[in-house]
């Protein structure tokens, strides 16, 4: 059984979107950091945000 690693929400204070430098919103259900300005959602894997545009999901 694999334990789900929690994302430390305090990281949001230091992280910004790598494309727009804008603020990010944490989506706990999808385990993503959402950049509304860039219309991208960056995945969080094993508690680590993957802030690469190539790994981000495009928002509709």
C-alpha atoms as a PDB file:
ATOM      1  CA  UNK A   1       0.000   0.000   0.000  1.00  0.00           C
ATOM      2  CA  UNK A   2       1.355   3.424  -0.994  1.00  0.00           C
ATOM      3  CA  UNK A   3       0.775   6.399   1.280  1.00  0.00           C
ATOM      4  CA  UNK A   4      -0.279   9.616  -0.413  1.00  0.00           C
ATOM      5  CA  UNK A   5       2.231  12.380   0.278  1.00  0.00           C
ATOM      6  CA  UNK A   6       0.597  15.658   1.238  1.00  0.00           C
ATOM      7  CA  UNK A   7       1.576  18.946  -0.396  1.00  0.00           C
ATOM      8  CA  UNK A   8       2.794  21.576   2.080  1.00  0.00           C
ATOM      9  CA  UNK A   9       0.446  24.507   1.479  1.00  0.00           C
ATOM     10  CA  UNK A  10       3.010  26.914   2.948  1.00  0.00           C
ATOM     11  CA  UNK A  11       4.942  26.402  -0.300  1.00  0.00           C
ATOM     12  CA  UNK A  12       2.247  28.446  -2.069  1.00  0.00           C
ATOM     13  CA  UNK A  13       3.607  31.569  -0.406  1.00  0.00           C
ATOM     14  CA  UNK A  14       6.944  31.072  -2.195  1.00  0.00           C
ATOM     15  CA  UNK A  15       5.839  29.545  -5.508  1.00  0.00           C
ATOM     16  CA  UNK A  16       4.661  31.497  -8.537  1.00  0.00           C
ATOM     17  CA  UNK A  17       3.759  30.479 -12.062  1.00  0.00           C
ATOM     18  CA  UNK A  18       6.990  30.020 -14.041  1.00  0.00           C
ATOM     19  CA  UNK A  19       5.411  31.654 -17.110  1.00  0.00           C
ATOM     20  CA  UNK A  20       3.492  34.624 -15.720  1.00  0.00           C
ATOM     21  CA  UNK A  21       5.044  35.023 -12.253  1.00  0.00           C
ATOM     22  CA  UNK A  22       1.419  35.123 -11.045  1.00  0.00           C
ATOM     23  CA  UNK A  23      -0.096  33.489  -7.999  1.00  0.00           C
ATOM     24  CA  UNK A  24      -1.113  29.841  -7.946  1.00  0.00           C
ATOM     25  CA  UNK A  25      -4.203  28.140  -6.527  1.00  0.00           C
ATOM     26  CA  UNK A  26      -3.926  24.725  -4.884  1.00  0.00           C
ATOM     27  CA  UNK A  27      -6.418  22.125  -6.128  1.00  0.00           C
ATOM     28  CA  UNK A  28      -6.277  19.412  -3.456  1.00  0.00           C
ATOM     29  CA  UNK A  29      -8.659  17.053  -5.253  1.00  0.00           C
ATOM     30  CA  UNK A  30      -6.562  16.927  -8.437  1.00  0.00           C
ATOM     31  CA  UNK A  31      -3.217  17.501  -6.688  1.00  0.00           C
ATOM     32  CA  UNK A  32      -2.332  20.429  -8.924  1.00  0.00           C
ATOM     33  CA  UNK A  33      -1.201  24.024  -8.692  1.00  0.00           C
ATOM     34  CA  UNK A  34      -3.385  26.099 -10.990  1.00  0.00           C
ATOM     35  CA  UNK A  35      -2.255  29.244 -12.776  1.00  0.00           C
ATOM     36  CA  UNK A  36      -5.411  31.008 -13.994  1.00  0.00           C
ATOM     37  CA  UNK A  37      -3.386  33.586 -15.935  1.00  0.00           C
ATOM     38  CA  UNK A  38      -1.412  30.967 -17.897  1.00  0.00           C
ATOM     39  CA  UNK A  39      -4.438  28.635 -18.044  1.00  0.00           C
ATOM     40  CA  UNK A  40      -2.244  25.756 -16.874  1.00  0.00           C
ATOM     41  CA  UNK A  41      -2.363  23.263 -14.014  1.00  0.00           C
ATOM     42  CA  UNK A  42       0.974  21.988 -12.750  1.00  0.00           C
ATOM     43  CA  UNK A  43       0.932  18.492 -11.222  1.00  0.00           C
ATOM     44  CA  UNK A  44       2.060  17.652  -7.706  1.00  0.00           C
ATOM     45  CA  UNK A  45       3.742  14.255  -7.519  1.00  0.00           C
ATOM     46  CA  UNK A  46       4.697  12.705  -4.187  1.00  0.00           C
ATOM     47  CA  UNK A  47       4.311  16.121  -2.563  1.00  0.00           C
ATOM     48  CA  UNK A  48       6.595  17.862  -5.084  1.00  0.00           C
ATOM     49  CA  UNK A  49       5.184  20.442  -7.512  1.00  0.00           C
ATOM     50  CA  UNK A  50       6.368  19.880 -11.082  1.00  0.00           C
ATOM     51  CA  UNK A  51       6.668  23.427 -12.404  1.00  0.00           C
ATOM     52  CA  UNK A  52       7.501  22.581 -16.007  1.00  0.00           C
ATOM     53  CA  UNK A  53       5.302  23.863 -18.824  1.00  0.00           C
ATOM     54  CA  UNK A  54       5.779  20.537 -20.644  1.00  0.00           C
ATOM     55  CA  UNK A  55       4.260  18.678 -17.662  1.00  0.00           C
ATOM     56  CA  UNK A  56       1.333  21.071 -17.139  1.00  0.00           C
ATOM     57  CA  UNK A  57      -2.261  20.362 -18.104  1.00  0.00           C
ATOM     58  CA  UNK A  58      -3.893  23.012 -20.298  1.00  0.00           C
ATOM     59  CA  UNK A  59      -7.099  24.385 -18.786  1.00  0.00           C
ATOM     60  CA  UNK A  60     -10.158  24.620 -21.006  1.00  0.00           C
END
